[in-house]
mmCIF file of all heavy atoms, coordinates in Angstrom:
data_MODEL
# 
_entry.id   MODEL 
# 
loop_
_atom_site.group_PDB 
_atom_site.id 
_atom_site.type_symbol 
_atom_site.label_atom_id 
_atom_site.label_alt_id 
_atom_site.label_comp_id 
_atom_site.label_asym_id 
_atom_site.label_entity_id 
_atom_site.label_seq_id 
_atom_site.pdbx_PDB_ins_code 
_atom_site.Cartn_x 
_atom_site.Cartn_y 
_atom_site.Cartn_z 
_atom_site.occupancy 
_atom_site.B_iso_or_equiv 
_atom_site.pdbx_formal_charge 
_atom_site.auth_seq_id 
_atom_site.auth_comp_id 
_atom_site.auth_asym_id 
_atom_site.auth_atom_id 
_atom_site.pdbx_PDB_model_num 
ATOM 1   N N   . ALA A 1 1  ? -5.277  -4.596  -5.115  1.00 0.00 ? 1  ALA A N   1 
ATOM 2   C CA  . ALA A 1 1  ? -5.495  -3.415  -5.912  1.00 0.00 ? 1  ALA A CA  1 
ATOM 3   C C   . ALA A 1 1  ? -4.646  -2.229  -5.386  1.00 0.00 ? 1  ALA A C   1 
ATOM 4   O O   . ALA A 1 1  ? -4.018  -1.522  -6.155  1.00 0.00 ? 1  ALA A O   1 
ATOM 5   C CB  . ALA A 1 1  ? -6.990  -3.066  -5.901  1.00 0.00 ? 1  ALA A CB  1 
ATOM 6   N N   . LEU A 1 2  ? -4.632  -2.051  -4.060  1.00 0.00 ? 2  LEU A N   1 
ATOM 7   C CA  . LEU A 1 2  ? -3.878  -0.964  -3.500  1.00 0.00 ? 2  LEU A CA  1 
ATOM 8   C C   . LEU A 1 2  ? -2.372  -1.229  -3.601  1.00 0.00 ? 2  LEU A C   1 
ATOM 9   O O   . LEU A 1 2  ? -1.561  -0.317  -3.838  1.00 0.00 ? 2  LEU A O   1 
ATOM 10  C CB  . LEU A 1 2  ? -4.249  -0.728  -2.026  1.00 0.00 ? 2  LEU A CB  1 
ATOM 11  C CG  . LEU A 1 2  ? -5.684  -0.238  -1.808  1.00 0.00 ? 2  LEU A CG  1 
ATOM 12  C CD1 . LEU A 1 2  ? -5.945  0.018   -0.333  1.00 0.00 ? 2  LEU A CD1 1 
ATOM 13  C CD2 . LEU A 1 2  ? -6.011  0.952   -2.645  1.00 0.00 ? 2  LEU A CD2 1 
ATOM 14  N N   . THR A 1 3  ? -1.961  -2.487  -3.446  1.00 0.00 ? 3  THR A N   1 
ATOM 15  C CA  . THR A 1 3  ? -0.546  -2.825  -3.596  1.00 0.00 ? 3  THR A CA  1 
ATOM 16  C C   . THR A 1 3  ? -0.100  -2.566  -5.044  1.00 0.00 ? 3  THR A C   1 
ATOM 17  O O   . THR A 1 3  ? 1.031   -2.101  -5.285  1.00 0.00 ? 3  THR A O   1 
ATOM 18  C CB  . THR A 1 3  ? -0.339  -4.330  -3.261  1.00 0.00 ? 3  THR A CB  1 
ATOM 19  O OG1 . THR A 1 3  ? -0.758  -4.544  -1.939  1.00 0.00 ? 3  THR A OG1 1 
ATOM 20  C CG2 . THR A 1 3  ? 1.152   -4.699  -3.373  1.00 0.00 ? 3  THR A CG2 1 
ATOM 21  N N   . TRP A 1 4  ? -1.007  -2.804  -5.963  1.00 0.00 ? 4  TRP A N   1 
ATOM 22  C CA  . TRP A 1 4  ? -0.682  -2.553  -7.389  1.00 0.00 ? 4  TRP A CA  1 
ATOM 23  C C   . TRP A 1 4  ? -0.427  -1.065  -7.620  1.00 0.00 ? 4  TRP A C   1 
ATOM 24  O O   . TRP A 1 4  ? 0.503   -0.674  -8.314  1.00 0.00 ? 4  TRP A O   1 
ATOM 25  C CB  . TRP A 1 4  ? -1.830  -3.027  -8.239  1.00 0.00 ? 4  TRP A CB  1 
ATOM 26  C CG  . TRP A 1 4  ? -1.572  -3.116  -9.701  1.00 0.00 ? 4  TRP A CG  1 
ATOM 27  C CD1 . TRP A 1 4  ? -2.109  -2.359  -10.680 1.00 0.00 ? 4  TRP A CD1 1 
ATOM 28  C CD2 . TRP A 1 4  ? -0.682  -4.019  -10.372 1.00 0.00 ? 4  TRP A CD2 1 
ATOM 29  N NE1 . TRP A 1 4  ? -1.605  -2.708  -11.906 1.00 0.00 ? 4  TRP A NE1 1 
ATOM 30  C CE2 . TRP A 1 4  ? -0.761  -3.731  -11.770 1.00 0.00 ? 4  TRP A CE2 1 
ATOM 31  C CE3 . TRP A 1 4  ? 0.136   -5.049  -9.942  1.00 0.00 ? 4  TRP A CE3 1 
ATOM 32  C CZ2 . TRP A 1 4  ? -0.008  -4.441  -12.688 1.00 0.00 ? 4  TRP A CZ2 1 
ATOM 33  C CZ3 . TRP A 1 4  ? 0.857   -5.765  -10.851 1.00 0.00 ? 4  TRP A CZ3 1 
ATOM 34  C CH2 . TRP A 1 4  ? 0.787   -5.427  -12.214 1.00 0.00 ? 4  TRP A CH2 1 
ATOM 35  N N   . VAL A 1 5  ? -1.262  -0.225  -7.000  1.00 0.00 ? 5  VAL A N   1 
ATOM 36  C CA  . VAL A 1 5  ? -1.039  1.229   -7.140  1.00 0.00 ? 5  VAL A CA  1 
ATOM 37  C C   . VAL A 1 5  ? 0.317   1.629   -6.525  1.00 0.00 ? 5  VAL A C   1 
ATOM 38  O O   . VAL A 1 5  ? 1.087   2.371   -7.162  1.00 0.00 ? 5  VAL A O   1 
ATOM 39  C CB  . VAL A 1 5  ? -2.216  1.972   -6.418  1.00 0.00 ? 5  VAL A CB  1 
ATOM 40  C CG1 . VAL A 1 5  ? -1.901  3.479   -6.357  1.00 0.00 ? 5  VAL A CG1 1 
ATOM 41  C CG2 . VAL A 1 5  ? -3.527  1.757   -7.133  1.00 0.00 ? 5  VAL A CG2 1 
ATOM 42  N N   . ILE A 1 6  ? 0.611   1.105   -5.367  1.00 0.00 ? 6  ILE A N   1 
ATOM 43  C CA  . ILE A 1 6  ? 1.873   1.443   -4.701  1.00 0.00 ? 6  ILE A CA  1 
ATOM 44  C C   . ILE A 1 6  ? 3.069   0.948   -5.514  1.00 0.00 ? 6  ILE A C   1 
ATOM 45  O O   . ILE A 1 6  ? 4.036   1.684   -5.738  1.00 0.00 ? 6  ILE A O   1 
ATOM 46  C CB  . ILE A 1 6  ? 1.895   0.890   -3.271  1.00 0.00 ? 6  ILE A CB  1 
ATOM 47  C CG1 . ILE A 1 6  ? 0.830   1.561   -2.407  1.00 0.00 ? 6  ILE A CG1 1 
ATOM 48  C CG2 . ILE A 1 6  ? 3.247   1.092   -2.632  1.00 0.00 ? 6  ILE A CG2 1 
ATOM 49  C CD1 . ILE A 1 6  ? 0.667   0.968   -1.029  1.00 0.00 ? 6  ILE A CD1 1 
ATOM 50  N N   . ALA A 1 7  ? 2.983   -0.307  -5.991  1.00 0.00 ? 7  ALA A N   1 
ATOM 51  C CA  . ALA A 1 7  ? 4.116   -0.876  -6.704  1.00 0.00 ? 7  ALA A CA  1 
ATOM 52  C C   . ALA A 1 7  ? 4.383   -0.159  -8.007  1.00 0.00 ? 7  ALA A C   1 
ATOM 53  O O   . ALA A 1 7  ? 5.551   0.007   -8.421  1.00 0.00 ? 7  ALA A O   1 
ATOM 54  C CB  . ALA A 1 7  ? 3.849   -2.355  -6.962  1.00 0.00 ? 7  ALA A CB  1 
ATOM 55  N N   . ARG A 1 8  ? 3.344   0.262   -8.667  1.00 0.00 ? 8  ARG A N   1 
ATOM 56  C CA  . ARG A 1 8  ? 3.515   0.954   -9.972  1.00 0.00 ? 8  ARG A CA  1 
ATOM 57  C C   . ARG A 1 8  ? 4.144   2.307   -9.817  1.00 0.00 ? 8  ARG A C   1 
ATOM 58  O O   . ARG A 1 8  ? 4.770   2.852   -10.713 1.00 0.00 ? 8  ARG A O   1 
ATOM 59  C CB  . ARG A 1 8  ? 2.158   1.072   -10.695 1.00 0.00 ? 8  ARG A CB  1 
ATOM 60  C CG  . ARG A 1 8  ? 1.599   -0.262  -11.132 1.00 0.00 ? 8  ARG A CG  1 
ATOM 61  C CD  . ARG A 1 8  ? 2.265   -0.761  -12.382 1.00 0.00 ? 8  ARG A CD  1 
ATOM 62  N NE  . ARG A 1 8  ? 1.897   0.014   -13.536 1.00 0.00 ? 8  ARG A NE  1 
ATOM 63  C CZ  . ARG A 1 8  ? 0.901   -0.252  -14.357 1.00 0.00 ? 8  ARG A CZ  1 
ATOM 64  N NH1 . ARG A 1 8  ? 0.180   -1.288  -14.166 1.00 0.00 ? 8  ARG A NH1 1 
ATOM 65  N NH2 . ARG A 1 8  ? 0.647   0.536   -15.384 1.00 0.00 ? 8  ARG A NH2 1 
ATOM 66  N N   . HIS A 1 9  ? 3.976   2.941   -8.653  1.00 0.00 ? 9  HIS A N   1 
ATOM 67  C CA  . HIS A 1 9  ? 4.478   4.304   -8.448  1.00 0.00 ? 9  HIS A CA  1 
ATOM 68  C C   . HIS A 1 9  ? 5.762   4.364   -7.609  1.00 0.00 ? 9  HIS A C   1 
ATOM 69  O O   . HIS A 1 9  ? 6.489   5.316   -7.697  1.00 0.00 ? 9  HIS A O   1 
ATOM 70  C CB  . HIS A 1 9  ? 3.434   5.165   -7.800  1.00 0.00 ? 9  HIS A CB  1 
ATOM 71  C CG  . HIS A 1 9  ? 2.285   5.511   -8.673  1.00 0.00 ? 9  HIS A CG  1 
ATOM 72  N ND1 . HIS A 1 9  ? 2.406   6.166   -9.852  1.00 0.00 ? 9  HIS A ND1 1 
ATOM 73  C CD2 . HIS A 1 9  ? 0.965   5.259   -8.556  1.00 0.00 ? 9  HIS A CD2 1 
ATOM 74  C CE1 . HIS A 1 9  ? 1.244   6.307   -10.444 1.00 0.00 ? 9  HIS A CE1 1 
ATOM 75  N NE2 . HIS A 1 9  ? 0.353   5.762   -9.651  1.00 0.00 ? 9  HIS A NE2 1 
ATOM 76  N N   . GLY A 1 10 ? 5.977   3.336   -6.808  1.00 0.00 ? 10 GLY A N   1 
ATOM 77  C CA  . GLY A 1 10 ? 7.182   3.361   -5.940  1.00 0.00 ? 10 GLY A CA  1 
ATOM 78  C C   . GLY A 1 10 ? 6.760   3.303   -4.456  1.00 0.00 ? 10 GLY A C   1 
ATOM 79  O O   . GLY A 1 10 ? 6.003   4.153   -3.983  1.00 0.00 ? 10 GLY A O   1 
ATOM 80  N N   . MET A 1 11 ? 7.284   2.331   -3.753  1.00 0.00 ? 11 MET A N   1 
ATOM 81  C CA  . MET A 1 11 ? 6.927   2.120   -2.336  1.00 0.00 ? 11 MET A CA  1 
ATOM 82  C C   . MET A 1 11 ? 7.350   3.313   -1.477  1.00 0.00 ? 11 MET A C   1 
ATOM 83  O O   . MET A 1 11 ? 6.645   3.751   -0.573  1.00 0.00 ? 11 MET A O   1 
ATOM 84  C CB  . MET A 1 11 ? 7.555   0.838   -1.825  1.00 0.00 ? 11 MET A CB  1 
ATOM 85  C CG  . MET A 1 11 ? 7.310   0.539   -0.367  1.00 0.00 ? 11 MET A CG  1 
ATOM 86  S SD  . MET A 1 11 ? 5.545   0.238   -0.023  1.00 0.00 ? 11 MET A SD  1 
ATOM 87  C CE  . MET A 1 11 ? 5.408   -1.378  -0.742  1.00 0.00 ? 11 MET A CE  1 
ATOM 88  N N   . ARG A 1 12 ? 8.532   3.905   -1.768  1.00 0.00 ? 12 ARG A N   1 
ATOM 89  C CA  . ARG A 1 12 ? 9.031   4.947   -0.885  1.00 0.00 ? 12 ARG A CA  1 
ATOM 90  C C   . ARG A 1 12 ? 8.187   6.204   -0.915  1.00 0.00 ? 12 ARG A C   1 
ATOM 91  O O   . ARG A 1 12 ? 8.098   6.923   0.066   1.00 0.00 ? 12 ARG A O   1 
ATOM 92  C CB  . ARG A 1 12 ? 10.477  5.274   -1.296  1.00 0.00 ? 12 ARG A CB  1 
ATOM 93  C CG  . ARG A 1 12 ? 11.476  4.157   -1.053  1.00 0.00 ? 12 ARG A CG  1 
ATOM 94  C CD  . ARG A 1 12 ? 12.885  4.560   -1.416  1.00 0.00 ? 12 ARG A CD  1 
ATOM 95  N NE  . ARG A 1 12 ? 13.837  3.512   -1.169  1.00 0.00 ? 12 ARG A NE  1 
ATOM 96  C CZ  . ARG A 1 12 ? 15.124  3.602   -1.414  1.00 0.00 ? 12 ARG A CZ  1 
ATOM 97  N NH1 . ARG A 1 12 ? 15.611  4.750   -1.913  1.00 0.00 ? 12 ARG A NH1 1 
ATOM 98  N NH2 . ARG A 1 12 ? 15.951  2.604   -1.154  1.00 0.00 ? 12 ARG A NH2 1 
ATOM 99  N N   . SER A 1 13 ? 7.568   6.475   -2.070  1.00 0.00 ? 13 SER A N   1 
ATOM 100 C CA  . SER A 1 13 ? 6.815   7.752   -2.185  1.00 0.00 ? 13 SER A CA  1 
ATOM 101 C C   . SER A 1 13 ? 5.353   7.577   -1.765  1.00 0.00 ? 13 SER A C   1 
ATOM 102 O O   . SER A 1 13 ? 4.655   8.566   -1.709  1.00 0.00 ? 13 SER A O   1 
ATOM 103 C CB  . SER A 1 13 ? 6.893   8.234   -3.634  1.00 0.00 ? 13 SER A CB  1 
ATOM 104 O OG  . SER A 1 13 ? 6.344   7.262   -4.512  1.00 0.00 ? 13 SER A OG  1 
ATOM 105 N N   . ALA A 1 14 ? 4.894   6.351   -1.522  1.00 0.00 ? 14 ALA A N   1 
ATOM 106 C CA  . ALA A 1 14 ? 3.506   6.175   -1.134  1.00 0.00 ? 14 ALA A CA  1 
ATOM 107 C C   . ALA A 1 14 ? 3.292   6.630   0.282   1.00 0.00 ? 14 ALA A C   1 
ATOM 108 O O   . ALA A 1 14 ? 4.136   6.467   1.166   1.00 0.00 ? 14 ALA A O   1 
ATOM 109 C CB  . ALA A 1 14 ? 3.137   4.694   -1.268  1.00 0.00 ? 14 ALA A CB  1 
ATOM 110 N N   . PRO A 1 15 ? 2.130   7.219   0.575   1.00 0.00 ? 15 PRO A N   1 
ATOM 111 C CA  . PRO A 1 15 ? 1.854   7.700   1.956   1.00 0.00 ? 15 PRO A CA  1 
ATOM 112 C C   . PRO A 1 15 ? 1.740   6.505   2.900   1.00 0.00 ? 15 PRO A C   1 
ATOM 113 O O   . PRO A 1 15 ? 1.294   5.423   2.529   1.00 0.00 ? 15 PRO A O   1 
ATOM 114 C CB  . PRO A 1 15 ? 0.504   8.428   1.814   1.00 0.00 ? 15 PRO A CB  1 
ATOM 115 C CG  . PRO A 1 15 ? -0.087  7.924   0.547   1.00 0.00 ? 15 PRO A CG  1 
ATOM 116 C CD  . PRO A 1 15 ? 1.040   7.565   -0.346  1.00 0.00 ? 15 PRO A CD  1 
ATOM 117 N N   . GLY A 1 16 ? 2.104   6.739   4.167   1.00 0.00 ? 16 GLY A N   1 
ATOM 118 C CA  . GLY A 1 16 ? 2.090   5.695   5.162   1.00 0.00 ? 16 GLY A CA  1 
ATOM 119 C C   . GLY A 1 16 ? 0.737   5.108   5.436   1.00 0.00 ? 16 GLY A C   1 
ATOM 120 O O   . GLY A 1 16 ? 0.598   3.895   5.652   1.00 0.00 ? 16 GLY A O   1 
ATOM 121 N N   . TRP A 1 17 ? -0.292  5.931   5.380   1.00 0.00 ? 17 TRP A N   1 
ATOM 122 C CA  . TRP A 1 17 ? -1.631  5.408   5.699   1.00 0.00 ? 17 TRP A CA  1 
ATOM 123 C C   . TRP A 1 17 ? -2.091  4.392   4.644   1.00 0.00 ? 17 TRP A C   1 
ATOM 124 O O   . TRP A 1 17 ? -2.792  3.428   4.970   1.00 0.00 ? 17 TRP A O   1 
ATOM 125 C CB  . TRP A 1 17 ? -2.650  6.556   5.775   1.00 0.00 ? 17 TRP A CB  1 
ATOM 126 C CG  . TRP A 1 17 ? -2.812  7.373   4.519   1.00 0.00 ? 17 TRP A CG  1 
ATOM 127 C CD1 . TRP A 1 17 ? -2.201  8.547   4.219   1.00 0.00 ? 17 TRP A CD1 1 
ATOM 128 C CD2 . TRP A 1 17 ? -3.665  7.064   3.412   1.00 0.00 ? 17 TRP A CD2 1 
ATOM 129 N NE1 . TRP A 1 17 ? -2.589  8.969   2.987   1.00 0.00 ? 17 TRP A NE1 1 
ATOM 130 C CE2 . TRP A 1 17 ? -3.485  8.126   2.492   1.00 0.00 ? 17 TRP A CE2 1 
ATOM 131 C CE3 . TRP A 1 17 ? -4.549  6.033   3.105   1.00 0.00 ? 17 TRP A CE3 1 
ATOM 132 C CZ2 . TRP A 1 17 ? -4.153  8.148   1.233   1.00 0.00 ? 17 TRP A CZ2 1 
ATOM 133 C CZ3 . TRP A 1 17 ? -5.207  6.066   1.881   1.00 0.00 ? 17 TRP A CZ3 1 
ATOM 134 C CH2 . TRP A 1 17 ? -5.036  7.117   0.981   1.00 0.00 ? 17 TRP A CH2 1 
ATOM 135 N N   . LEU A 1 18 ? -1.639  4.582   3.390   1.00 0.00 ? 18 LEU A N   1 
ATOM 136 C CA  . LEU A 1 18 ? -2.049  3.640   2.358   1.00 0.00 ? 18 LEU A CA  1 
ATOM 137 C C   . LEU A 1 18 ? -1.335  2.302   2.549   1.00 0.00 ? 18 LEU A C   1 
ATOM 138 O O   . LEU A 1 18 ? -1.995  1.239   2.420   1.00 0.00 ? 18 LEU A O   1 
ATOM 139 C CB  . LEU A 1 18 ? -1.675  4.243   0.994   1.00 0.00 ? 18 LEU A CB  1 
ATOM 140 C CG  . LEU A 1 18 ? -2.211  3.472   -0.219  1.00 0.00 ? 18 LEU A CG  1 
ATOM 141 C CD1 . LEU A 1 18 ? -3.717  3.374   -0.223  1.00 0.00 ? 18 LEU A CD1 1 
ATOM 142 C CD2 . LEU A 1 18 ? -1.743  4.153   -1.507  1.00 0.00 ? 18 LEU A CD2 1 
ATOM 143 N N   . ARG A 1 19 ? -0.081  2.336   2.942   1.00 0.00 ? 19 ARG A N   1 
ATOM 144 C CA  . ARG A 1 19 ? 0.623   1.086   3.195   1.00 0.00 ? 19 ARG A CA  1 
ATOM 145 C C   . ARG A 1 19 ? 0.040   0.371   4.389   1.00 0.00 ? 19 ARG A C   1 
ATOM 146 O O   . ARG A 1 19 ? -0.059  -0.847  4.419   1.00 0.00 ? 19 ARG A O   1 
ATOM 147 C CB  . ARG A 1 19 ? 2.112   1.367   3.408   1.00 0.00 ? 19 ARG A CB  1 
ATOM 148 C CG  . ARG A 1 19 ? 2.862   1.716   2.133   1.00 0.00 ? 19 ARG A CG  1 
ATOM 149 C CD  . ARG A 1 19 ? 4.278   2.088   2.376   1.00 0.00 ? 19 ARG A CD  1 
ATOM 150 N NE  . ARG A 1 19 ? 4.412   3.440   2.935   1.00 0.00 ? 19 ARG A NE  1 
ATOM 151 C CZ  . ARG A 1 19 ? 5.542   4.001   3.263   1.00 0.00 ? 19 ARG A CZ  1 
ATOM 152 N NH1 . ARG A 1 19 ? 6.690   3.343   3.099   1.00 0.00 ? 19 ARG A NH1 1 
ATOM 153 N NH2 . ARG A 1 19 ? 5.589   5.230   3.719   1.00 0.00 ? 19 ARG A NH2 1 
ATOM 154 N N   . ALA A 1 20 ? -0.371  1.145   5.422   1.00 0.00 ? 20 ALA A N   1 
ATOM 155 C CA  . ALA A 1 20 ? -0.984  0.532   6.615   1.00 0.00 ? 20 ALA A CA  1 
ATOM 156 C C   . ALA A 1 20 ? -2.310  -0.150  6.269   1.00 0.00 ? 20 ALA A C   1 
ATOM 157 O O   . ALA A 1 20 ? -2.600  -1.248  6.801   1.00 0.00 ? 20 ALA A O   1 
ATOM 158 C CB  . ALA A 1 20 ? -1.178  1.595   7.694   1.00 0.00 ? 20 ALA A CB  1 
ATOM 159 N N   . ILE A 1 21 ? -3.101  0.469   5.434   1.00 0.00 ? 21 ILE A N   1 
ATOM 160 C CA  . ILE A 1 21 ? -4.367  -0.134  5.030   1.00 0.00 ? 21 ILE A CA  1 
ATOM 161 C C   . ILE A 1 21 ? -4.120  -1.447  4.296   1.00 0.00 ? 21 ILE A C   1 
ATOM 162 O O   . ILE A 1 21 ? -4.848  -2.447  4.479   1.00 0.00 ? 21 ILE A O   1 
ATOM 163 C CB  . ILE A 1 21 ? -5.191  0.828   4.170   1.00 0.00 ? 21 ILE A CB  1 
ATOM 164 C CG1 . ILE A 1 21 ? -5.683  1.990   5.064   1.00 0.00 ? 21 ILE A CG1 1 
ATOM 165 C CG2 . ILE A 1 21 ? -6.360  0.159   3.503   1.00 0.00 ? 21 ILE A CG2 1 
ATOM 166 C CD1 . ILE A 1 21 ? -6.425  3.061   4.288   1.00 0.00 ? 21 ILE A CD1 1 
ATOM 167 N N   . VAL A 1 22 ? -3.151  -1.448  3.422   1.00 0.00 ? 22 VAL A N   1 
ATOM 168 C CA  . VAL A 1 22 ? -2.811  -2.722  2.712   1.00 0.00 ? 22 VAL A CA  1 
ATOM 169 C C   . VAL A 1 22 ? -2.470  -3.823  3.696   1.00 0.00 ? 22 VAL A C   1 
ATOM 170 O O   . VAL A 1 22 ? -2.953  -4.944  3.579   1.00 0.00 ? 22 VAL A O   1 
ATOM 171 C CB  . VAL A 1 22 ? -1.633  -2.470  1.722   1.00 0.00 ? 22 VAL A CB  1 
ATOM 172 C CG1 . VAL A 1 22 ? -1.158  -3.809  1.174   1.00 0.00 ? 22 VAL A CG1 1 
ATOM 173 C CG2 . VAL A 1 22 ? -2.107  -1.553  0.599   1.00 0.00 ? 22 VAL A CG2 1 
ATOM 174 N N   . VAL A 1 23 ? -1.643  -3.508  4.708   1.00 0.00 ? 23 VAL A N   1 
ATOM 175 C CA  . VAL A 1 23 ? -1.293  -4.510  5.713   1.00 0.00 ? 23 VAL A CA  1 
ATOM 176 C C   . VAL A 1 23 ? -2.503  -5.008  6.449   1.00 0.00 ? 23 VAL A C   1 
ATOM 177 O O   . VAL A 1 23 ? -2.682  -6.205  6.684   1.00 0.00 ? 23 VAL A O   1 
ATOM 178 C CB  . VAL A 1 23 ? -0.250  -3.915  6.703   1.00 0.00 ? 23 VAL A CB  1 
ATOM 179 C CG1 . VAL A 1 23 ? 0.022   -4.914  7.837   1.00 0.00 ? 23 VAL A CG1 1 
ATOM 180 C CG2 . VAL A 1 23 ? 1.029   -3.606  5.997   1.00 0.00 ? 23 VAL A CG2 1 
ATOM 181 N N   . GLY A 1 24 ? -3.417  -4.080  6.827   1.00 0.00 ? 24 GLY A N   1 
ATOM 182 C CA  . GLY A 1 24 ? -4.609  -4.472  7.521   1.00 0.00 ? 24 GLY A CA  1 
ATOM 183 C C   . GLY A 1 24 ? -5.484  -5.376  6.698   1.00 0.00 ? 24 GLY A C   1 
ATOM 184 O O   . GLY A 1 24 ? -6.032  -6.391  7.172   1.00 0.00 ? 24 GLY A O   1 
ATOM 185 N N   . LEU A 1 25 ? -5.657  -5.043  5.392   1.00 0.00 ? 25 LEU A N   1 
ATOM 186 C CA  . LEU A 1 25 ? -6.476  -5.890  4.534   1.00 0.00 ? 25 LEU A CA  1 
ATOM 187 C C   . LEU A 1 25 ? -5.864  -7.287  4.371   1.00 0.00 ? 25 LEU A C   1 
ATOM 188 O O   . LEU A 1 25 ? -6.568  -8.286  4.289   1.00 0.00 ? 25 LEU A O   1 
ATOM 189 C CB  . LEU A 1 25 ? -6.642  -5.196  3.189   1.00 0.00 ? 25 LEU A CB  1 
ATOM 190 C CG  . LEU A 1 25 ? -7.515  -3.941  3.182   1.00 0.00 ? 25 LEU A CG  1 
ATOM 191 C CD1 . LEU A 1 25 ? -7.425  -3.224  1.849   1.00 0.00 ? 25 LEU A CD1 1 
ATOM 192 C CD2 . LEU A 1 25 ? -8.985  -4.306  3.519   1.00 0.00 ? 25 LEU A CD2 1 
ATOM 193 N N   . LEU A 1 26 ? -4.533  -7.345  4.246   1.00 0.00 ? 26 LEU A N   1 
ATOM 194 C CA  . LEU A 1 26 ? -3.886  -8.631  4.104   1.00 0.00 ? 26 LEU A CA  1 
ATOM 195 C C   . LEU A 1 26 ? -4.073  -9.520  5.339   1.00 0.00 ? 26 LEU A C   1 
ATOM 196 O O   . LEU A 1 26 ? -4.294  -10.717 5.258   1.00 0.00 ? 26 LEU A O   1 
ATOM 197 C CB  . LEU A 1 26 ? -2.384  -8.438  3.834   1.00 0.00 ? 26 LEU A CB  1 
ATOM 198 C CG  . LEU A 1 26 ? -2.033  -7.905  2.441   1.00 0.00 ? 26 LEU A CG  1 
ATOM 199 C CD1 . LEU A 1 26 ? -0.535  -7.620  2.346   1.00 0.00 ? 26 LEU A CD1 1 
ATOM 200 C CD2 . LEU A 1 26 ? -2.444  -8.881  1.354   1.00 0.00 ? 26 LEU A CD2 1 
ATOM 201 N N   . ILE A 1 27 ? -4.019  -8.870  6.525   1.00 0.00 ? 27 ILE A N   1 
ATOM 202 C CA  . ILE A 1 27 ? -4.240  -9.627  7.777   1.00 0.00 ? 27 ILE A CA  1 
ATOM 203 C C   . ILE A 1 27 ? -5.658  -10.109 7.832   1.00 0.00 ? 27 ILE A C   1 
ATOM 204 O O   . ILE A 1 27 ? -5.919  -11.283 8.190   1.00 0.00 ? 27 ILE A O   1 
ATOM 205 C CB  . ILE A 1 27 ? -3.889  -8.763  8.984   1.00 0.00 ? 27 ILE A CB  1 
ATOM 206 C CG1 . ILE A 1 27 ? -2.402  -8.463  8.997   1.00 0.00 ? 27 ILE A CG1 1 
ATOM 207 C CG2 . ILE A 1 27 ? -4.297  -9.455  10.294  1.00 0.00 ? 27 ILE A CG2 1 
ATOM 208 C CD1 . ILE A 1 27 ? -1.979  -7.508  10.118  1.00 0.00 ? 27 ILE A CD1 1 
ATOM 209 N N   . GLN A 1 28 ? -6.621  -9.275  7.452   1.00 0.00 ? 28 GLN A N   1 
ATOM 210 C CA  . GLN A 1 28 ? -8.025  -9.728  7.463   1.00 0.00 ? 28 GLN A CA  1 
ATOM 211 C C   . GLN A 1 28 ? -8.218  -10.869 6.504   1.00 0.00 ? 28 GLN A C   1 
ATOM 212 O O   . GLN A 1 28 ? -8.939  -11.832 6.815   1.00 0.00 ? 28 GLN A O   1 
ATOM 213 C CB  . GLN A 1 28 ? -8.934  -8.547  7.109   1.00 0.00 ? 28 GLN A CB  1 
ATOM 214 C CG  . GLN A 1 28 ? -9.091  -7.529  8.190   1.00 0.00 ? 28 GLN A CG  1 
ATOM 215 C CD  . GLN A 1 28 ? -10.148 -6.499  7.881   1.00 0.00 ? 28 GLN A CD  1 
ATOM 216 O OE1 . GLN A 1 28 ? -10.491 -5.693  8.734   1.00 0.00 ? 28 GLN A OE1 1 
ATOM 217 N NE2 . GLN A 1 28 ? -10.685 -6.523  6.685   1.00 0.00 ? 28 GLN A NE2 1 
# 
């Protein structure tokens, strides 16, 4: 769900904390 939000708007403009949370959820 969060990756979808980031992908629809652009990875470069997404805040770093949001990308970090996505990585953490994927690892879990």
